[in-house]
């Protein structure tokens, strides 16, 4: 079985959704504060990585990956 990025995309989607939820609850909260108080204690990623994650279209990539997996499964049958 080959390596895939499915868990990577899921982690990024989780982080992005969490950030959106926190920003909806408190519009004045800064990304630096979100990283320091919420993201870093759970995921142990740097602020630079966190910033990169926010710029990645992870939902689209995860959907594309799952469609590819479904197509490969259909071909194997």
N, C-alpha and C. Protein backbone atom coordinates (compact mmCIF):
# COMPACT_ATOMS: atom_id res chain seq x y z
N UNK A 1 0.84 -1.18 0.00
CA UNK A 1 0.00 0.00 0.00
C UNK A 1 0.89 1.24 0.00
N UNK A 2 0.58 2.16 -0.86
CA UNK A 2 1.38 3.37 -1.02
C UNK A 2 1.03 4.41 0.05
N UNK A 3 1.96 5.30 0.26
CA UNK A 3 1.76 6.40 1.21
C UNK A 3 0.76 7.40 0.64
N UNK A 4 -0.06 7.97 1.50
CA UNK A 4 -0.99 9.01 1.06
C UNK A 4 -1.05 10.13 2.09
N UNK A 5 -1.66 11.21 1.70
CA UNK A 5 -1.74 12.40 2.56
C UNK A 5 -3.09 12.58 3.23
N UNK A 6 -3.89 11.56 3.30
CA UNK A 6 -5.25 11.68 3.81
C UNK A 6 -5.28 12.26 5.23
N UNK A 7 -4.47 11.73 6.13
CA UNK A 7 -4.46 12.23 7.51
C UNK A 7 -3.90 13.65 7.60
N UNK A 8 -2.96 13.98 6.74
CA UNK A 8 -2.42 15.33 6.66
C UNK A 8 -3.52 16.32 6.31
N UNK A 9 -4.31 15.99 5.28
CA UNK A 9 -5.40 16.88 4.87
C UNK A 9 -6.45 16.98 5.96
N UNK A 10 -6.76 15.87 6.62
CA UNK A 10 -7.75 15.89 7.70
C UNK A 10 -7.30 16.77 8.86
N UNK A 11 -6.01 16.69 9.21
CA UNK A 11 -5.49 17.52 10.29
C UNK A 11 -5.60 19.00 9.94
N UNK A 12 -5.29 19.34 8.71
CA UNK A 12 -5.37 20.74 8.29
C UNK A 12 -6.83 21.21 8.30
N UNK A 13 -7.75 20.38 7.83
CA UNK A 13 -9.16 20.75 7.85
C UNK A 13 -9.63 20.96 9.29
N UNK A 14 -9.22 20.08 10.20
CA UNK A 14 -9.58 20.23 11.61
C UNK A 14 -9.09 21.56 12.17
N UNK A 15 -7.85 21.90 11.88
CA UNK A 15 -7.28 23.16 12.38
C UNK A 15 -8.02 24.35 11.77
N UNK A 16 -8.27 24.31 10.46
CA UNK A 16 -8.96 25.42 9.81
C UNK A 16 -10.37 25.62 10.37
N UNK A 17 -11.09 24.53 10.58
CA UNK A 17 -12.44 24.65 11.13
C UNK A 17 -12.42 25.16 12.56
N UNK A 18 -11.44 24.72 13.34
CA UNK A 18 -11.31 25.18 14.72
C UNK A 18 -11.05 26.68 14.76
N UNK A 19 -10.16 27.15 13.89
CA UNK A 19 -9.84 28.58 13.83
C UNK A 19 -11.09 29.38 13.45
N UNK A 20 -11.83 28.90 12.46
CA UNK A 20 -13.06 29.60 12.07
C UNK A 20 -14.06 29.67 13.21
N UNK A 21 -14.19 28.57 13.94
CA UNK A 21 -15.10 28.54 15.09
C UNK A 21 -14.67 29.54 16.17
N UNK A 22 -13.38 29.57 16.46
CA UNK A 22 -12.88 30.50 17.46
C UNK A 22 -13.07 31.95 17.03
N UNK A 23 -12.86 32.22 15.74
CA UNK A 23 -13.04 33.58 15.24
C UNK A 23 -14.50 34.00 15.21
N UNK A 24 -15.40 33.04 15.01
CA UNK A 24 -16.83 33.38 15.05
C UNK A 24 -17.26 33.74 16.47
N UNK A 25 -16.71 33.03 17.46
CA UNK A 25 -17.06 33.29 18.85
C UNK A 25 -16.45 34.58 19.38
N UNK A 26 -15.27 34.93 18.89
CA UNK A 26 -14.58 36.13 19.34
C UNK A 26 -13.89 36.76 18.13
N UNK A 27 -14.50 37.77 17.56
CA UNK A 27 -13.98 38.38 16.34
C UNK A 27 -12.66 39.12 16.55
N UNK A 28 -12.36 39.51 17.78
CA UNK A 28 -11.15 40.28 18.05
C UNK A 28 -9.92 39.42 18.32
N UNK A 29 -10.06 38.12 18.35
CA UNK A 29 -8.94 37.25 18.68
C UNK A 29 -7.96 37.21 17.51
N UNK A 30 -6.68 37.26 17.82
CA UNK A 30 -5.63 37.26 16.81
C UNK A 30 -5.15 35.83 16.56
N UNK A 31 -4.60 35.62 15.36
CA UNK A 31 -4.10 34.29 15.01
C UNK A 31 -2.96 33.86 15.93
N UNK A 32 -2.14 34.80 16.33
CA UNK A 32 -1.03 34.48 17.24
C UNK A 32 -1.57 33.93 18.56
N UNK A 33 -2.65 34.51 19.06
CA UNK A 33 -3.27 34.06 20.31
C UNK A 33 -3.90 32.68 20.12
N UNK A 34 -4.57 32.48 18.98
CA UNK A 34 -5.16 31.17 18.70
C UNK A 34 -4.08 30.10 18.67
N UNK A 35 -2.98 30.41 18.00
CA UNK A 35 -1.89 29.44 17.92
C UNK A 35 -1.32 29.13 19.30
N UNK A 36 -1.06 30.16 20.06
CA UNK A 36 -0.41 29.99 21.37
C UNK A 36 -1.30 29.24 22.36
N UNK A 37 -2.58 29.57 22.41
CA UNK A 37 -3.46 29.03 23.44
C UNK A 37 -4.22 27.77 23.04
N UNK A 38 -4.41 27.54 21.75
CA UNK A 38 -5.24 26.41 21.32
C UNK A 38 -4.49 25.41 20.44
N UNK A 39 -3.87 25.90 19.39
CA UNK A 39 -3.27 25.01 18.40
C UNK A 39 -1.97 24.37 18.89
N UNK A 40 -1.06 25.18 19.41
CA UNK A 40 0.24 24.64 19.82
C UNK A 40 0.13 23.57 20.92
N UNK A 41 -0.68 23.77 21.94
CA UNK A 41 -0.76 22.72 22.97
C UNK A 41 -1.27 21.37 22.45
N UNK A 42 -2.12 21.40 21.44
CA UNK A 42 -2.67 20.13 20.93
C UNK A 42 -1.83 19.53 19.81
N UNK A 43 -1.40 20.34 18.85
CA UNK A 43 -0.74 19.82 17.65
C UNK A 43 0.78 19.99 17.65
N UNK A 44 1.31 20.83 18.50
CA UNK A 44 2.76 21.07 18.60
C UNK A 44 3.38 21.47 17.26
N UNK A 45 2.74 22.41 16.58
CA UNK A 45 3.29 22.92 15.33
C UNK A 45 3.70 24.37 15.53
N UNK A 46 4.67 24.82 14.75
CA UNK A 46 5.13 26.20 14.85
C UNK A 46 4.11 27.16 14.26
N UNK A 47 4.30 28.43 14.56
CA UNK A 47 3.39 29.44 14.03
C UNK A 47 3.49 29.50 12.51
N UNK A 48 4.69 29.31 11.99
CA UNK A 48 4.90 29.32 10.53
C UNK A 48 4.10 28.19 9.87
N UNK A 49 4.17 26.99 10.44
CA UNK A 49 3.41 25.86 9.91
C UNK A 49 1.92 26.13 10.01
N UNK A 50 1.50 26.68 11.14
CA UNK A 50 0.10 27.04 11.35
C UNK A 50 -0.37 28.02 10.27
N UNK A 51 0.43 29.02 9.99
CA UNK A 51 0.09 30.00 8.96
C UNK A 51 0.00 29.34 7.59
N UNK A 52 0.92 28.43 7.30
CA UNK A 52 0.88 27.71 6.03
C UNK A 52 -0.38 26.86 5.93
N UNK A 53 -0.76 26.20 7.01
CA UNK A 53 -1.96 25.37 7.03
C UNK A 53 -3.20 26.19 6.70
N UNK A 54 -3.25 27.41 7.18
CA UNK A 54 -4.43 28.25 6.93
C UNK A 54 -4.55 28.64 5.46
N UNK A 55 -3.45 28.59 4.74
CA UNK A 55 -3.46 28.96 3.33
C UNK A 55 -3.64 27.80 2.38
N UNK A 56 -3.75 26.59 2.89
CA UNK A 56 -3.87 25.39 2.05
C UNK A 56 -5.34 25.06 1.82
N UNK A 57 -5.74 24.81 0.58
CA UNK A 57 -7.13 24.42 0.31
C UNK A 57 -7.34 22.93 0.63
N UNK A 58 -7.31 22.61 1.90
CA UNK A 58 -7.29 21.21 2.34
C UNK A 58 -8.60 20.48 2.03
N UNK A 59 -9.73 21.13 2.16
CA UNK A 59 -11.00 20.47 1.88
C UNK A 59 -11.05 20.02 0.42
N UNK A 60 -10.60 20.88 -0.47
CA UNK A 60 -10.58 20.55 -1.89
C UNK A 60 -9.63 19.39 -2.16
N UNK A 61 -8.44 19.43 -1.55
CA UNK A 61 -7.46 18.36 -1.75
C UNK A 61 -7.95 17.04 -1.17
N UNK A 62 -8.60 17.09 -0.02
CA UNK A 62 -9.13 15.87 0.59
C UNK A 62 -10.25 15.29 -0.27
N UNK A 63 -11.10 16.15 -0.79
CA UNK A 63 -12.19 15.68 -1.65
C UNK A 63 -11.62 15.04 -2.92
N UNK A 64 -10.61 15.68 -3.52
CA UNK A 64 -9.97 15.15 -4.71
C UNK A 64 -9.33 13.79 -4.42
N UNK A 65 -8.67 13.67 -3.28
CA UNK A 65 -8.04 12.41 -2.90
C UNK A 65 -9.09 11.30 -2.74
N UNK A 66 -10.20 11.62 -2.05
CA UNK A 66 -11.24 10.62 -1.82
C UNK A 66 -11.90 10.21 -3.14
N UNK A 67 -12.08 11.15 -4.06
CA UNK A 67 -12.63 10.80 -5.37
C UNK A 67 -11.68 9.87 -6.12
N UNK A 68 -10.39 10.13 -6.04
CA UNK A 68 -9.40 9.28 -6.67
C UNK A 68 -9.44 7.88 -6.09
N UNK A 69 -9.55 7.79 -4.76
CA UNK A 69 -9.63 6.49 -4.10
C UNK A 69 -10.88 5.74 -4.53
N UNK A 70 -12.01 6.43 -4.61
CA UNK A 70 -13.26 5.80 -5.05
C UNK A 70 -13.16 5.28 -6.47
N UNK A 71 -12.54 6.07 -7.35
CA UNK A 71 -12.38 5.65 -8.75
C UNK A 71 -11.47 4.43 -8.83
N UNK A 72 -10.40 4.39 -8.05
CA UNK A 72 -9.50 3.24 -8.07
C UNK A 72 -10.19 2.00 -7.53
N UNK A 73 -11.02 2.16 -6.52
CA UNK A 73 -11.76 1.03 -5.97
C UNK A 73 -12.73 0.47 -7.00
N UNK A 74 -13.40 1.35 -7.74
CA UNK A 74 -14.34 0.91 -8.78
C UNK A 74 -13.61 0.16 -9.89
N UNK A 75 -12.40 0.64 -10.24
CA UNK A 75 -11.64 -0.01 -11.29
C UNK A 75 -11.18 -1.41 -10.88
N UNK A 76 -10.88 -1.58 -9.60
CA UNK A 76 -10.42 -2.88 -9.11
C UNK A 76 -11.53 -3.92 -9.12
N UNK A 77 -12.77 -3.48 -8.99
CA UNK A 77 -13.89 -4.41 -8.99
C UNK A 77 -14.15 -4.87 -10.38
